[in-house]
């Protein structure tokens, strides 16, 4: 799952650093992720992992790091965060 997420971030995240140089807990916004790019990342995650982000997760903390996104994706796949 992490590799798939890294591919998404690399393709649509618009990050300044190469995705391989970004630590799992590194702040993605400090690495160049913009609010605009989070929409593209969210849509790509929804398509790739067959999940849907509820409105309650449309906040900066959800997209703060790879680790945060992995936790959200896992919870969505388990249906524990469904709206």
PDB file of N, CA and C in Angstrom:
ATOM      1  N   UNK A   1       0.820  -1.191   0.000  1.00  0.00           N
ATOM      2  CA  UNK A   1       0.000   0.000   0.000  1.00  0.00           C
ATOM      3  C   UNK A   1       0.868   1.260   0.000  1.00  0.00           C
ATOM      4  N   UNK A   2       1.963   1.239   0.749  1.00  0.00           N
ATOM      5  CA  UNK A   2       2.823   2.423   0.791  1.00  0.00           C
ATOM      6  C   UNK A   2       3.425   2.722  -0.588  1.00  0.00           C
ATOM      7  N   UNK A   3       3.830   1.688  -1.298  1.00  0.00           N
ATOM      8  CA  UNK A   3       4.416   1.910  -2.622  1.00  0.00           C
ATOM      9  C   UNK A   3       3.397   2.529  -3.570  1.00  0.00           C
ATOM     10  N   UNK A   4       2.160   2.055  -3.528  1.00  0.00           N
ATOM     11  CA  UNK A   4       1.099   2.624  -4.370  1.00  0.00           C
ATOM     12  C   UNK A   4       0.871   4.088  -4.013  1.00  0.00           C
ATOM     13  N   UNK A   5       0.869   4.395  -2.724  1.00  0.00           N
ATOM     14  CA  UNK A   5       0.684   5.775  -2.280  1.00  0.00           C
ATOM     15  C   UNK A   5       1.844   6.646  -2.736  1.00  0.00           C
ATOM     16  N   UNK A   6       3.045   6.136  -2.638  1.00  0.00           N
ATOM     17  CA  UNK A   6       4.212   6.912  -3.086  1.00  0.00           C
ATOM     18  C   UNK A   6       4.142   7.206  -4.589  1.00  0.00           C
ATOM     19  N   UNK A   7       3.654   6.254  -5.369  1.00  0.00           N
ATOM     20  CA  UNK A   7       3.492   6.481  -6.811  1.00  0.00           C
ATOM     21  C   UNK A   7       2.483   7.608  -7.046  1.00  0.00           C
ATOM     22  N   UNK A   8       1.380   7.569  -6.313  1.00  0.00           N
ATOM     23  CA  UNK A   8       0.374   8.628  -6.440  1.00  0.00           C
ATOM     24  C   UNK A   8       0.976   9.981  -6.091  1.00  0.00           C
ATOM     25  N   UNK A   9       1.670  10.053  -4.965  1.00  0.00           N
ATOM     26  CA  UNK A   9       2.280  11.321  -4.551  1.00  0.00           C
ATOM     27  C   UNK A   9       3.303  11.801  -5.567  1.00  0.00           C
ATOM     28  N   UNK A  10       4.044  10.872  -6.139  1.00  0.00           N
ATOM     29  CA  UNK A  10       5.042  11.228  -7.143  1.00  0.00           C
ATOM     30  C   UNK A  10       4.382  11.766  -8.409  1.00  0.00           C
ATOM     31  N   UNK A  11       3.260  11.162  -8.797  1.00  0.00           N
ATOM     32  CA  UNK A  11       2.601  11.542 -10.050  1.00  0.00           C
ATOM     33  C   UNK A  11       1.759  12.805  -9.928  1.00  0.00           C
ATOM     34  N   UNK A  12       1.061  12.991  -8.821  1.00  0.00           N
ATOM     35  CA  UNK A  12       0.125  14.117  -8.734  1.00  0.00           C
ATOM     36  C   UNK A  12       0.369  15.055  -7.552  1.00  0.00           C
ATOM     37  N   UNK A  13       1.318  14.732  -6.679  1.00  0.00           N
ATOM     38  CA  UNK A  13       1.540  15.533  -5.486  1.00  0.00           C
ATOM     39  C   UNK A  13       2.310  16.818  -5.701  1.00  0.00           C
ATOM     40  N   UNK A  14       3.047  16.904  -6.800  1.00  0.00           N
ATOM     41  CA  UNK A  14       3.816  18.118  -7.064  1.00  0.00           C
ATOM     42  C   UNK A  14       4.876  18.408  -6.021  1.00  0.00           C
ATOM     43  N   UNK A  15       5.447  17.365  -5.446  1.00  0.00           N
ATOM     44  CA  UNK A  15       6.438  17.544  -4.391  1.00  0.00           C
ATOM     45  C   UNK A  15       7.765  18.035  -4.945  1.00  0.00           C
ATOM     46  N   UNK A  16       8.456  18.840  -4.154  1.00  0.00           N
ATOM     47  CA  UNK A  16       9.731  19.404  -4.579  1.00  0.00           C
ATOM     48  C   UNK A  16      10.856  18.376  -4.520  1.00  0.00           C
ATOM     49  N   UNK A  17      10.754  17.442  -3.587  1.00  0.00           N
ATOM     50  CA  UNK A  17      11.796  16.425  -3.415  1.00  0.00           C
ATOM     51  C   UNK A  17      11.356  15.124  -4.089  1.00  0.00           C
ATOM     52  N   UNK A  18      12.321  14.316  -4.523  1.00  0.00           N
ATOM     53  CA  UNK A  18      11.964  12.997  -5.061  1.00  0.00           C
ATOM     54  C   UNK A  18      11.242  12.178  -3.990  1.00  0.00           C
ATOM     55  N   UNK A  19      10.223  11.449  -4.400  1.00  0.00           N
ATOM     56  CA  UNK A  19       9.403  10.707  -3.438  1.00  0.00           C
ATOM     57  C   UNK A  19      10.235   9.712  -2.629  1.00  0.00           C
ATOM     58  N   UNK A  20      11.284   9.178  -3.210  1.00  0.00           N
ATOM     59  CA  UNK A  20      12.140   8.238  -2.492  1.00  0.00           C
ATOM     60  C   UNK A  20      12.925   8.881  -1.371  1.00  0.00           C
ATOM     61  N   UNK A  21      13.066  10.203  -1.407  1.00  0.00           N
ATOM     62  CA  UNK A  21      13.794  10.930  -0.367  1.00  0.00           C
ATOM     63  C   UNK A  21      12.898  11.383   0.784  1.00  0.00           C
ATOM     64  N   UNK A  22      11.612  11.134   0.665  1.00  0.00           N
ATOM     65  CA  UNK A  22      10.668  11.607   1.677  1.00  0.00           C
ATOM     66  C   UNK A  22      10.382  10.490   2.673  1.00  0.00           C
ATOM     67  N   UNK A  23      10.673  10.766   3.932  1.00  0.00           N
ATOM     68  CA  UNK A  23      10.433   9.790   5.001  1.00  0.00           C
ATOM     69  C   UNK A  23       8.938   9.631   5.224  1.00  0.00           C
ATOM     70  N   UNK A  24       8.565   8.493   5.741  1.00  0.00           N
ATOM     71  CA  UNK A  24       7.152   8.184   5.957  1.00  0.00           C
ATOM     72  C   UNK A  24       6.473   9.200   6.869  1.00  0.00           C
ATOM     73  N   UNK A  25       7.208   9.712   7.854  1.00  0.00           N
ATOM     74  CA  UNK A  25       6.619  10.662   8.799  1.00  0.00           C
ATOM     75  C   UNK A  25       6.954  12.122   8.486  1.00  0.00           C
ATOM     76  N   UNK A  26       7.580  12.371   7.349  1.00  0.00           N
ATOM     77  CA  UNK A  26       7.964  13.738   6.965  1.00  0.00           C
ATOM     78  C   UNK A  26       6.731  14.545   6.574  1.00  0.00           C
ATOM     79  N   UNK A  27       6.728  15.825   6.909  1.00  0.00           N
ATOM     80  CA  UNK A  27       5.629  16.731   6.577  1.00  0.00           C
ATOM     81  C   UNK A  27       5.578  16.938   5.061  1.00  0.00           C
ATOM     82  N   UNK A  28       4.494  16.475   4.448  1.00  0.00           N
ATOM     83  CA  UNK A  28       4.365  16.587   2.990  1.00  0.00           C
ATOM     84  C   UNK A  28       4.180  18.031   2.536  1.00  0.00           C
ATOM     85  N   UNK A  29       3.585  18.861   3.379  1.00  0.00           N
ATOM     86  CA  UNK A  29       3.409  20.261   3.011  1.00  0.00           C
ATOM     87  C   UNK A  29       4.760  20.976   2.981  1.00  0.00           C
ATOM     88  N   UNK A  30       5.642  20.618   3.895  1.00  0.00           N
ATOM     89  CA  UNK A  30       6.999  21.168   3.881  1.00  0.00           C
ATOM     90  C   UNK A  30       7.775  20.668   2.661  1.00  0.00           C
ATOM     91  N   UNK A  31       7.367  19.501   2.145  1.00  0.00           N
ATOM     92  CA  UNK A  31       8.021  18.922   0.962  1.00  0.00           C
ATOM     93  C   UNK A  31       7.414  19.434  -0.335  1.00  0.00           C
ATOM     94  N   UNK A  32       6.448  20.352  -0.251  1.00  0.00           N
ATOM     95  CA  UNK A  32       5.907  20.982  -1.447  1.00  0.00           C
ATOM     96  C   UNK A  32       4.465  20.664  -1.790  1.00  0.00           C
ATOM     97  N   UNK A  33       3.792  19.825  -1.008  1.00  0.00           N
ATOM     98  CA  UNK A  33       2.387  19.531  -1.268  1.00  0.00           C
ATOM     99  C   UNK A  33       1.562  20.790  -1.024  1.00  0.00           C
ATOM    100  N   UNK A  34       0.703  21.123  -1.973  1.00  0.00           N
ATOM    101  CA  UNK A  34      -0.156  22.299  -1.833  1.00  0.00           C
ATOM    102  C   UNK A  34      -1.583  21.866  -1.540  1.00  0.00           C
ATOM    103  N   UNK A  35      -2.383  22.787  -1.089  1.00  0.00           N
ATOM    104  CA  UNK A  35      -3.794  22.498  -0.851  1.00  0.00           C
ATOM    105  C   UNK A  35      -4.462  22.039  -2.136  1.00  0.00           C
ATOM    106  N   UNK A  36      -4.120  22.669  -3.235  1.00  0.00           N
ATOM    107  CA  UNK A  36      -4.671  22.287  -4.535  1.00  0.00           C
ATOM    108  C   UNK A  36      -4.282  20.852  -4.886  1.00  0.00           C
ATOM    109  N   UNK A  37      -3.031  20.496  -4.654  1.00  0.00           N
ATOM    110  CA  UNK A  37      -2.553  19.150  -4.988  1.00  0.00           C
ATOM    111  C   UNK A  37      -3.203  18.083  -4.106  1.00  0.00           C
ATOM    112  N   UNK A  38      -3.619  18.447  -2.899  1.00  0.00           N
ATOM    113  CA  UNK A  38      -4.260  17.455  -2.039  1.00  0.00           C
ATOM    114  C   UNK A  38      -5.544  16.923  -2.669  1.00  0.00           C
ATOM    115  N   UNK A  39      -6.223  17.753  -3.450  1.00  0.00           N
ATOM    116  CA  UNK A  39      -7.443  17.304  -4.125  1.00  0.00           C
ATOM    117  C   UNK A  39      -7.099  16.218  -5.139  1.00  0.00           C
ATOM    118  N   UNK A  40      -6.053  16.437  -5.912  1.00  0.00           N
ATOM    119  CA  UNK A  40      -5.622  15.434  -6.889  1.00  0.00           C
ATOM    120  C   UNK A  40      -5.165  14.159  -6.203  1.00  0.00           C
ATOM    121  N   UNK A  41      -4.446  14.312  -5.096  1.00  0.00           N
ATOM    122  CA  UNK A  41      -3.985  13.151  -4.330  1.00  0.00           C
ATOM    123  C   UNK A  41      -5.190  12.387  -3.792  1.00  0.00           C
ATOM    124  N   UNK A  42      -6.148  13.102  -3.236  1.00  0.00           N
ATOM    125  CA  UNK A  42      -7.338  12.452  -2.689  1.00  0.00           C
ATOM    126  C   UNK A  42      -8.086  11.670  -3.765  1.00  0.00           C
ATOM    127  N   UNK A  43      -8.296  12.287  -4.917  1.00  0.00           N
ATOM    128  CA  UNK A  43      -9.024  11.616  -5.997  1.00  0.00           C
ATOM    129  C   UNK A  43      -8.278  10.386  -6.488  1.00  0.00           C
ATOM    130  N   UNK A  44      -6.959  10.489  -6.586  1.00  0.00           N
ATOM    131  CA  UNK A  44      -6.156   9.347  -7.028  1.00  0.00           C
ATOM    132  C   UNK A  44      -6.194   8.216  -5.992  1.00  0.00           C
ATOM    133  N   UNK A  45      -6.164   8.574  -4.706  1.00  0.00           N
ATOM    134  CA  UNK A  45      -6.257   7.566  -3.644  1.00  0.00           C
ATOM    135  C   UNK A  45      -7.619   6.876  -3.701  1.00  0.00           C
ATOM    136  N   UNK A  46      -8.671   7.664  -3.858  1.00  0.00           N
ATOM    137  CA  UNK A  46     -10.013   7.075  -3.930  1.00  0.00           C
ATOM    138  C   UNK A  46     -10.113   6.074  -5.075  1.00  0.00           C
ATOM    139  N   UNK A  47      -9.549   6.423  -6.201  1.00  0.00           N
ATOM    140  CA  UNK A  47      -9.598   5.522  -7.357  1.00  0.00           C
ATOM    141  C   UNK A  47      -8.719   4.284  -7.152  1.00  0.00           C
ATOM    142  N   UNK A  48      -7.511   4.492  -6.684  1.00  0.00           N
ATOM    143  CA  UNK A  48      -6.556   3.390  -6.524  1.00  0.00           C
ATOM    144  C   UNK A  48      -6.985   2.380  -5.465  1.00  0.00           C
ATOM    145  N   UNK A  49      -7.507   2.878  -4.354  1.00  0.00           N
ATOM    146  CA  UNK A  49      -7.809   2.008  -3.225  1.00  0.00           C
ATOM    147  C   UNK A  49      -9.309   1.726  -3.041  1.00  0.00           C
ATOM    148  N   UNK A  50     -10.133   2.245  -3.952  1.00  0.00           N
ATOM    149  CA  UNK A  50     -11.590   2.039  -3.899  1.00  0.00           C
ATOM    150  C   UNK A  50     -12.166   2.450  -2.546  1.00  0.00           C
ATOM    151  N   UNK A  51     -11.813   3.662  -2.131  1.00  0.00           N
ATOM    152  CA  UNK A  51     -12.323   4.232  -0.886  1.00  0.00           C
ATOM    153  C   UNK A  51     -12.910   5.601  -1.194  1.00  0.00           C
ATOM    154  N   UNK A  52     -13.621   6.157  -0.233  1.00  0.00           N
ATOM    155  CA  UNK A  52     -14.148   7.506  -0.381  1.00  0.00           C
ATOM    156  C   UNK A  52     -13.871   8.288   0.892  1.00  0.00           C
ATOM    157  N   UNK A  53     -13.268   9.451   0.743  1.00  0.00           N
ATOM    158  CA  UNK A  53     -12.964  10.307   1.888  1.00  0.00           C
ATOM    159  C   UNK A  53     -14.241  11.006   2.352  1.00  0.00           C
ATOM    160  N   UNK A  54     -14.643  10.817   3.602  1.00  0.00           N
ATOM    161  CA  UNK A  54     -15.772  11.592   4.121  1.00  0.00           C
ATOM    162  C   UNK A  54     -15.323  13.040   4.353  1.00  0.00           C
ATOM    163  N   UNK A  55     -16.282  13.940   4.388  1.00  0.00           N
ATOM    164  CA  UNK A  55     -15.970  15.354   4.596  1.00  0.00           C
ATOM    165  C   UNK A  55     -15.129  15.587   5.840  1.00  0.00           C
ATOM    166  N   UNK A  56     -15.328  14.776   6.866  1.00  0.00           N
ATOM    167  CA  UNK A  56     -14.604  14.960   8.126  1.00  0.00           C
ATOM    168  C   UNK A  56     -13.092  14.767   7.973  1.00  0.00           C
ATOM    169  N   UNK A  57     -12.668  14.113   6.894  1.00  0.00           N
ATOM    170  CA  UNK A  57     -11.231  13.894   6.669  1.00  0.00           C
ATOM    171  C   UNK A  57     -10.615  14.892   5.701  1.00  0.00           C
ATOM    172  N   UNK A  58     -11.394  15.819   5.219  1.00  0.00           N
ATOM    173  CA  UNK A  58     -10.874  16.801   4.276  1.00  0.00           C
ATOM    174  C   UNK A  58     -10.246  17.951   5.037  1.00  0.00           C
ATOM    175  N   UNK A  59      -9.124  17.624   5.672  1.00  0.00           N
ATOM    176  CA  UNK A  59      -8.390  18.608   6.468  1.00  0.00           C
ATOM    177  C   UNK A  59      -6.890  18.349   6.311  1.00  0.00           C
ATOM    178  N   UNK A  60      -6.130  19.344   6.671  1.00  0.00           N
ATOM    179  CA  UNK A  60      -4.679  19.308   6.477  1.00  0.00           C
ATOM    180  C   UNK A  60      -4.013  18.111   7.161  1.00  0.00           C
ATOM    181  N   UNK A  61      -4.441  17.778   8.371  1.00  0.00           N
ATOM    182  CA  UNK A  61      -3.808  16.678   9.116  1.00  0.00           C
ATOM    183  C   UNK A  61      -3.913  15.339   8.390  1.00  0.00           C
ATOM    184  N   UNK A  62      -4.972  15.139   7.630  1.00  0.00           N
ATOM    185  CA  UNK A  62      -5.149  13.896   6.886  1.00  0.00           C
ATOM    186  C   UNK A  62      -4.019  13.694   5.888  1.00  0.00           C
ATOM    187  N   UNK A  63      -3.543  14.794   5.312  1.00  0.00           N
ATOM    188  CA  UNK A  63      -2.540  14.755   4.247  1.00  0.00           C
ATOM    189  C   UNK A  63      -1.151  15.152   4.735  1.00  0.00           C
ATOM    190  N   UNK A  64      -0.968  15.236   6.032  1.00  0.00           N
ATOM    191  CA  UNK A  64       0.278  15.746   6.622  1.00  0.00           C
ATOM    192  C   UNK A  64       1.499  14.908   6.262  1.00  0.00           C
ATOM    193  N   UNK A  65       1.339  13.577   6.204  1.00  0.00           N
ATOM    194  CA  UNK A  65       2.490  12.705   5.947  1.00  0.00           C
ATOM    195  C   UNK A  65       2.025  11.422   5.273  1.00  0.00           C
ATOM    196  N   UNK A  66       2.975  10.682   4.772  1.00  0.00           N
ATOM    197  CA  UNK A  66       2.672   9.378   4.192  1.00  0.00           C
ATOM    198  C   UNK A  66       2.074   8.476   5.269  1.00  0.00           C
ATOM    199  N   UNK A  67       2.628   8.516   6.463  1.00  0.00           N
ATOM    200  CA  UNK A  67       2.119   7.696   7.559  1.00  0.00           C
ATOM    201  C   UNK A  67       0.663   8.034   7.867  1.00  0.00           C
ATOM    202  N   UNK A  68       0.337   9.323   7.895  1.00  0.00           N
ATOM    203  CA  UNK A  68      -1.043   9.741   8.166  1.00  0.00           C
ATOM    204  C   UNK A  68      -1.978   9.238   7.072  1.00  0.00           C
ATOM    205  N   UNK A  69      -1.559   9.366   5.832  1.00  0.00           N
ATOM    206  CA  UNK A  69      -2.386   8.895   4.724  1.00  0.00           C
ATOM    207  C   UNK A  69      -2.563   7.385   4.756  1.00  0.00           C
ATOM    208  N   UNK A  70      -1.506   6.661   5.064  1.00  0.00           N
ATOM    209  CA  UNK A  70      -1.609   5.201   5.142  1.00  0.00           C
ATOM    210  C   UNK A  70      -2.595   4.787   6.224  1.00  0.00           C
ATOM    211  N   UNK A  71      -2.570   5.466   7.358  1.00  0.00           N
ATOM    212  CA  UNK A  71      -3.502   5.152   8.444  1.00  0.00           C
ATOM    213  C   UNK A  71      -4.942   5.433   8.019  1.00  0.00           C
ATOM    214  N   UNK A  72      -5.153   6.545   7.334  1.00  0.00           N
ATOM    215  CA  UNK A  72      -6.498   6.893   6.869  1.00  0.00           C
ATOM    216  C   UNK A  72      -6.979   5.881   5.828  1.00  0.00           C
ATOM    217  N   UNK A  73      -6.122   5.540   4.880  1.00  0.00           N
ATOM    218  CA  UNK A  73      -6.506   4.563   3.845  1.00  0.00           C
ATOM    219  C   UNK A  73      -6.865   3.226   4.482  1.00  0.00           C
ATOM    220  N   UNK A  74      -6.047   2.774   5.416  1.00  0.00           N
ATOM    221  CA  UNK A  74      -6.305   1.497   6.090  1.00  0.00           C
ATOM    222  C   UNK A  74      -7.647   1.551   6.826  1.00  0.00           C
ATOM    223  N   UNK A  75      -7.909   2.638   7.510  1.00  0.00           N
ATOM    224  CA  UNK A  75      -9.171   2.777   8.240  1.00  0.00           C
ATOM    225  C   UNK A  75     -10.363   2.838   7.284  1.00  0.00           C
ATOM    226  N   UNK A  76     -10.197   3.547   6.170  1.00  0.00           N
ATOM    227  CA  UNK A  76     -11.272   3.608   5.189  1.00  0.00           C
ATOM    228  C   UNK A  76     -11.548   2.252   4.568  1.00  0.00           C
ATOM    229  N   UNK A  77     -10.488   1.507   4.300  1.00  0.00           N
ATOM    230  CA  UNK A  77     -10.652   0.171   3.723  1.00  0.00           C
ATOM    231  C   UNK A  77     -11.333  -0.765   4.723  1.00  0.00           C
ATOM    232  N   UNK A  78     -11.095  -0.540   6.006  1.00  0.00           N
ATOM    233  CA  UNK A  78     -11.739  -1.342   7.055  1.00  0.00           C
ATOM    234  C   UNK A  78     -13.118  -0.797   7.398  1.00  0.00           C
ATOM    235  N   UNK A  79     -13.464   0.333   6.763  1.00  0.00           N
ATOM    236  CA  UNK A  79     -14.767   0.978   6.949  1.00  0.00           C
ATOM    237  C   UNK A  79     -14.938   1.534   8.363  1.00  0.00           C
ATOM    238  N   UNK A  80     -13.842   1.847   9.033  1.00  0.00           N
ATOM    239  CA  UNK A  80     -13.965   2.403  10.382  1.00  0.00           C
ATOM    240  C   UNK A  80     -14.084   3.927  10.373  1.00  0.00           C
ATOM    241  N   UNK A  81     -13.831   4.561   9.221  1.00  0.00           N
ATOM    242  CA  UNK A  81     -13.950   6.016   9.147  1.00  0.00           C
ATOM    243  C   UNK A  81     -15.048   6.436   8.187  1.00  0.00           C
ATOM    244  N   UNK A  82     -15.833   5.517   7.727  1.00  0.00           N
ATOM    245  CA  UNK A  82     -16.876   5.855   6.749  1.00  0.00           C
ATOM    246  C   UNK A  82     -17.814   6.901   7.335  1.00  0.00           C
ATOM    247  N   UNK A  83     -18.246   7.800   6.458  1.00  0.00           N
ATOM    248  CA  UNK A  83     -19.092   8.907   6.872  1.00  0.00           C
ATOM    249  C   UNK A  83     -20.335   8.412   7.565  1.00  0.00           C
TER     250      UNK A  83
END
